């Protein structure tokens, strides 16, 4: 039987960490923009529809 007790990190060789970090930062930036836009819309609805 083969040993499946732990993760194999050798399969991760050649990963482009710079691109990974760039994608993660873009994802966080987009989430921040969308969350602030949603908050602004809710605030405007509360102001003008009450």
PDB file of N, CA and C in Angstrom:
ATOM      1  N   UNK A   1       0.843  -1.187   0.000  1.00  0.00           N
ATOM      2  CA  UNK A   1       0.000   0.000   0.000  1.00  0.00           C
ATOM      3  C   UNK A   1       0.886   1.248   0.000  1.00  0.00           C
ATOM      4  N   UNK A   2       0.388   2.282  -0.623  1.00  0.00           N
ATOM      5  CA  UNK A   2       1.143   3.529  -0.629  1.00  0.00           C
ATOM      6  C   UNK A   2       0.803   4.349   0.606  1.00  0.00           C
ATOM      7  N   UNK A   3       1.710   5.247   0.946  1.00  0.00           N
ATOM      8  CA  UNK A   3       1.559   6.073   2.148  1.00  0.00           C
ATOM      9  C   UNK A   3       0.816   7.363   1.784  1.00  0.00           C
ATOM     10  N   UNK A   4      -0.390   7.541   2.307  1.00  0.00           N
ATOM     11  CA  UNK A   4      -1.191   8.744   2.062  1.00  0.00           C
ATOM     12  C   UNK A   4      -1.376   9.539   3.351  1.00  0.00           C
ATOM     13  N   UNK A   5      -0.379   9.536   4.191  1.00  0.00           N
ATOM     14  CA  UNK A   5      -0.541  10.135   5.511  1.00  0.00           C
ATOM     15  C   UNK A   5      -0.411  11.656   5.519  1.00  0.00           C
ATOM     16  N   UNK A   6       0.242  12.270   4.539  1.00  0.00           N
ATOM     17  CA  UNK A   6       0.433  13.719   4.574  1.00  0.00           C
ATOM     18  C   UNK A   6       0.414  14.329   3.195  1.00  0.00           C
ATOM     19  N   UNK A   7       0.350  15.651   3.143  1.00  0.00           N
ATOM     20  CA  UNK A   7       0.328  16.328   1.838  1.00  0.00           C
ATOM     21  C   UNK A   7       1.681  16.237   1.143  1.00  0.00           C
ATOM     22  N   UNK A   8       1.647  16.262  -0.159  1.00  0.00           N
ATOM     23  CA  UNK A   8       2.868  16.220  -0.959  1.00  0.00           C
ATOM     24  C   UNK A   8       3.114  17.626  -1.482  1.00  0.00           C
ATOM     25  N   UNK A   9       4.152  18.252  -0.967  1.00  0.00           N
ATOM     26  CA  UNK A   9       4.446  19.622  -1.361  1.00  0.00           C
ATOM     27  C   UNK A   9       5.306  19.696  -2.613  1.00  0.00           C
ATOM     28  N   UNK A  10       5.841  18.593  -3.045  1.00  0.00           N
ATOM     29  CA  UNK A  10       6.671  18.627  -4.245  1.00  0.00           C
ATOM     30  C   UNK A  10       5.840  18.901  -5.490  1.00  0.00           C
ATOM     31  N   UNK A  11       4.527  18.683  -5.421  1.00  0.00           N
ATOM     32  CA  UNK A  11       3.666  18.960  -6.559  1.00  0.00           C
ATOM     33  C   UNK A  11       3.495  20.460  -6.776  1.00  0.00           C
ATOM     34  N   UNK A  12       3.892  21.270  -5.804  1.00  0.00           N
ATOM     35  CA  UNK A  12       3.706  22.714  -5.893  1.00  0.00           C
ATOM     36  C   UNK A  12       4.918  23.422  -6.493  1.00  0.00           C
ATOM     37  N   UNK A  13       5.857  22.665  -7.007  1.00  0.00           N
ATOM     38  CA  UNK A  13       7.042  23.301  -7.592  1.00  0.00           C
ATOM     39  C   UNK A  13       6.653  24.099  -8.825  1.00  0.00           C
ATOM     40  N   UNK A  14       7.301  25.220  -8.998  1.00  0.00           N
ATOM     41  CA  UNK A  14       7.055  26.035 -10.164  1.00  0.00           C
ATOM     42  C   UNK A  14       5.849  26.951 -10.038  1.00  0.00           C
ATOM     43  N   UNK A  15       5.284  27.062  -8.859  1.00  0.00           N
ATOM     44  CA  UNK A  15       4.140  27.967  -8.698  1.00  0.00           C
ATOM     45  C   UNK A  15       4.621  29.400  -8.816  1.00  0.00           C
ATOM     46  N   UNK A  16       3.811  30.221  -9.422  1.00  0.00           N
ATOM     47  CA  UNK A  16       4.148  31.623  -9.625  1.00  0.00           C
ATOM     48  C   UNK A  16       3.587  32.434  -8.452  1.00  0.00           C
ATOM     49  N   UNK A  17       4.373  32.574  -7.405  1.00  0.00           N
ATOM     50  CA  UNK A  17       3.893  33.249  -6.205  1.00  0.00           C
ATOM     51  C   UNK A  17       3.626  34.729  -6.443  1.00  0.00           C
ATOM     52  N   UNK A  18       4.396  35.356  -7.319  1.00  0.00           N
ATOM     53  CA  UNK A  18       4.182  36.779  -7.621  1.00  0.00           C
ATOM     54  C   UNK A  18       2.805  36.969  -8.253  1.00  0.00           C
ATOM     55  N   UNK A  19       2.431  36.092  -9.176  1.00  0.00           N
ATOM     56  CA  UNK A  19       1.113  36.168  -9.806  1.00  0.00           C
ATOM     57  C   UNK A  19       0.011  35.836  -8.810  1.00  0.00           C
ATOM     58  N   UNK A  20       0.290  34.889  -7.923  1.00  0.00           N
ATOM     59  CA  UNK A  20      -0.687  34.533  -6.879  1.00  0.00           C
ATOM     60  C   UNK A  20      -0.967  35.732  -5.981  1.00  0.00           C
ATOM     61  N   UNK A  21       0.069  36.416  -5.552  1.00  0.00           N
ATOM     62  CA  UNK A  21      -0.114  37.585  -4.691  1.00  0.00           C
ATOM     63  C   UNK A  21      -0.825  38.712  -5.434  1.00  0.00           C
ATOM     64  N   UNK A  22      -0.524  38.890  -6.723  1.00  0.00           N
ATOM     65  CA  UNK A  22      -1.186  39.928  -7.514  1.00  0.00           C
ATOM     66  C   UNK A  22      -2.677  39.628  -7.648  1.00  0.00           C
ATOM     67  N   UNK A  23      -3.025  38.373  -7.875  1.00  0.00           N
ATOM     68  CA  UNK A  23      -4.423  37.989  -7.984  1.00  0.00           C
ATOM     69  C   UNK A  23      -5.142  38.161  -6.656  1.00  0.00           C
ATOM     70  N   UNK A  24      -4.489  37.769  -5.562  1.00  0.00           N
ATOM     71  CA  UNK A  24      -5.090  37.917  -4.232  1.00  0.00           C
ATOM     72  C   UNK A  24      -5.329  39.388  -3.914  1.00  0.00           C
ATOM     73  N   UNK A  25      -4.359  40.235  -4.193  1.00  0.00           N
ATOM     74  CA  UNK A  25      -4.517  41.667  -3.929  1.00  0.00           C
ATOM     75  C   UNK A  25      -5.641  42.271  -4.762  1.00  0.00           C
ATOM     76  N   UNK A  26      -5.777  41.843  -6.007  1.00  0.00           N
ATOM     77  CA  UNK A  26      -6.873  42.330  -6.849  1.00  0.00           C
ATOM     78  C   UNK A  26      -8.216  41.867  -6.289  1.00  0.00           C
ATOM     79  N   UNK A  27      -8.281  40.626  -5.808  1.00  0.00           N
ATOM     80  CA  UNK A  27      -9.506  40.105  -5.209  1.00  0.00           C
ATOM     81  C   UNK A  27      -9.892  40.899  -3.964  1.00  0.00           C
ATOM     82  N   UNK A  28      -8.934  41.189  -3.108  1.00  0.00           N
ATOM     83  CA  UNK A  28      -9.213  41.967  -1.897  1.00  0.00           C
ATOM     84  C   UNK A  28      -9.641  43.379  -2.260  1.00  0.00           C
ATOM     85  N   UNK A  29      -8.975  43.987  -3.244  1.00  0.00           N
ATOM     86  CA  UNK A  29      -9.329  45.345  -3.682  1.00  0.00           C
ATOM     87  C   UNK A  29     -10.752  45.373  -4.240  1.00  0.00           C
ATOM     88  N   UNK A  30     -11.106  44.386  -5.061  1.00  0.00           N
ATOM     89  CA  UNK A  30     -12.450  44.316  -5.625  1.00  0.00           C
ATOM     90  C   UNK A  30     -13.488  44.121  -4.522  1.00  0.00           C
ATOM     91  N   UNK A  31     -13.192  43.282  -3.552  1.00  0.00           N
ATOM     92  CA  UNK A  31     -14.112  43.080  -2.434  1.00  0.00           C
ATOM     93  C   UNK A  31     -14.325  44.353  -1.643  1.00  0.00           C
ATOM     94  N   UNK A  32     -13.264  45.110  -1.437  1.00  0.00           N
ATOM     95  CA  UNK A  32     -13.364  46.374  -0.715  1.00  0.00           C
ATOM     96  C   UNK A  32     -14.219  47.372  -1.485  1.00  0.00           C
ATOM     97  N   UNK A  33     -14.011  47.450  -2.788  1.00  0.00           N
ATOM     98  CA  UNK A  33     -14.787  48.374  -3.617  1.00  0.00           C
ATOM     99  C   UNK A  33     -16.263  47.983  -3.603  1.00  0.00           C
ATOM    100  N   UNK A  34     -16.545  46.698  -3.765  1.00  0.00           N
ATOM    101  CA  UNK A  34     -17.939  46.250  -3.780  1.00  0.00           C
ATOM    102  C   UNK A  34     -18.625  46.460  -2.435  1.00  0.00           C
ATOM    103  N   UNK A  35     -17.914  46.204  -1.349  1.00  0.00           N
ATOM    104  CA  UNK A  35     -18.497  46.398  -0.020  1.00  0.00           C
ATOM    105  C   UNK A  35     -18.775  47.874   0.249  1.00  0.00           C
ATOM    106  N   UNK A  36     -17.847  48.753  -0.131  1.00  0.00           N
ATOM    107  CA  UNK A  36     -18.069  50.179   0.093  1.00  0.00           C
ATOM    108  C   UNK A  36     -19.183  50.713  -0.807  1.00  0.00           C
ATOM    109  N   UNK A  37     -19.300  50.188  -2.027  1.00  0.00           N
ATOM    110  CA  UNK A  37     -20.388  50.593  -2.910  1.00  0.00           C
ATOM    111  C   UNK A  37     -21.730  50.159  -2.334  1.00  0.00           C
ATOM    112  N   UNK A  38     -21.806  48.949  -1.819  1.00  0.00           N
ATOM    113  CA  UNK A  38     -23.044  48.466  -1.209  1.00  0.00           C
ATOM    114  C   UNK A  38     -23.407  49.304   0.006  1.00  0.00           C
ATOM    115  N   UNK A  39     -22.417  49.666   0.822  1.00  0.00           N
ATOM    116  CA  UNK A  39     -22.683  50.497   1.992  1.00  0.00           C
ATOM    117  C   UNK A  39     -23.185  51.877   1.575  1.00  0.00           C
ATOM    118  N   UNK A  40     -22.607  52.438   0.516  1.00  0.00           N
ATOM    119  CA  UNK A  40     -23.055  53.747   0.034  1.00  0.00           C
ATOM    120  C   UNK A  40     -24.482  53.680  -0.496  1.00  0.00           C
ATOM    121  N   UNK A  41     -24.825  52.625  -1.215  1.00  0.00           N
ATOM    122  CA  UNK A  41     -26.179  52.473  -1.732  1.00  0.00           C
ATOM    123  C   UNK A  41     -27.172  52.342  -0.586  1.00  0.00           C
ATOM    124  N   UNK A  42     -26.841  51.558   0.411  1.00  0.00           N
ATOM    125  CA  UNK A  42     -27.730  51.405   1.571  1.00  0.00           C
ATOM    126  C   UNK A  42     -27.895  52.730   2.309  1.00  0.00           C
ATOM    127  N   UNK A  43     -26.814  53.481   2.456  1.00  0.00           N
ATOM    128  CA  UNK A  43     -26.893  54.781   3.114  1.00  0.00           C
ATOM    129  C   UNK A  43     -27.775  55.743   2.318  1.00  0.00           C
ATOM    130  N   UNK A  44     -27.612  55.745   1.001  1.00  0.00           N
ATOM    131  CA  UNK A  44     -28.430  56.630   0.170  1.00  0.00           C
ATOM    132  C   UNK A  44     -29.896  56.220   0.202  1.00  0.00           C
ATOM    133  N   UNK A  45     -30.168  54.927   0.225  1.00  0.00           N
ATOM    134  CA  UNK A  45     -31.543  54.471   0.347  1.00  0.00           C
ATOM    135  C   UNK A  45     -32.156  54.895   1.685  1.00  0.00           C
ATOM    136  N   UNK A  46     -31.362  54.807   2.741  1.00  0.00           N
ATOM    137  CA  UNK A  46     -31.856  55.201   4.055  1.00  0.00           C
ATOM    138  C   UNK A  46     -32.131  56.709   4.120  1.00  0.00           C
ATOM    139  N   UNK A  47     -31.317  57.492   3.428  1.00  0.00           N
ATOM    140  CA  UNK A  47     -31.497  58.945   3.461  1.00  0.00           C
ATOM    141  C   UNK A  47     -32.691  59.377   2.624  1.00  0.00           C
ATOM    142  N   UNK A  48     -32.780  58.868   1.399  1.00  0.00           N
ATOM    143  CA  UNK A  48     -33.780  59.386   0.469  1.00  0.00           C
ATOM    144  C   UNK A  48     -35.108  58.655   0.466  1.00  0.00           C
ATOM    145  N   UNK A  49     -35.206  57.478   1.073  1.00  0.00           N
ATOM    146  CA  UNK A  49     -36.445  56.748   1.065  1.00  0.00           C
ATOM    147  C   UNK A  49     -37.133  56.717   2.432  1.00  0.00           C
ATOM    148  N   UNK A  50     -36.723  57.561   3.343  1.00  0.00           N
ATOM    149  CA  UNK A  50     -37.395  57.610   4.650  1.00  0.00           C
ATOM    150  C   UNK A  50     -38.134  58.904   4.809  1.00  0.00           C
TER     151      UNK A  50
END
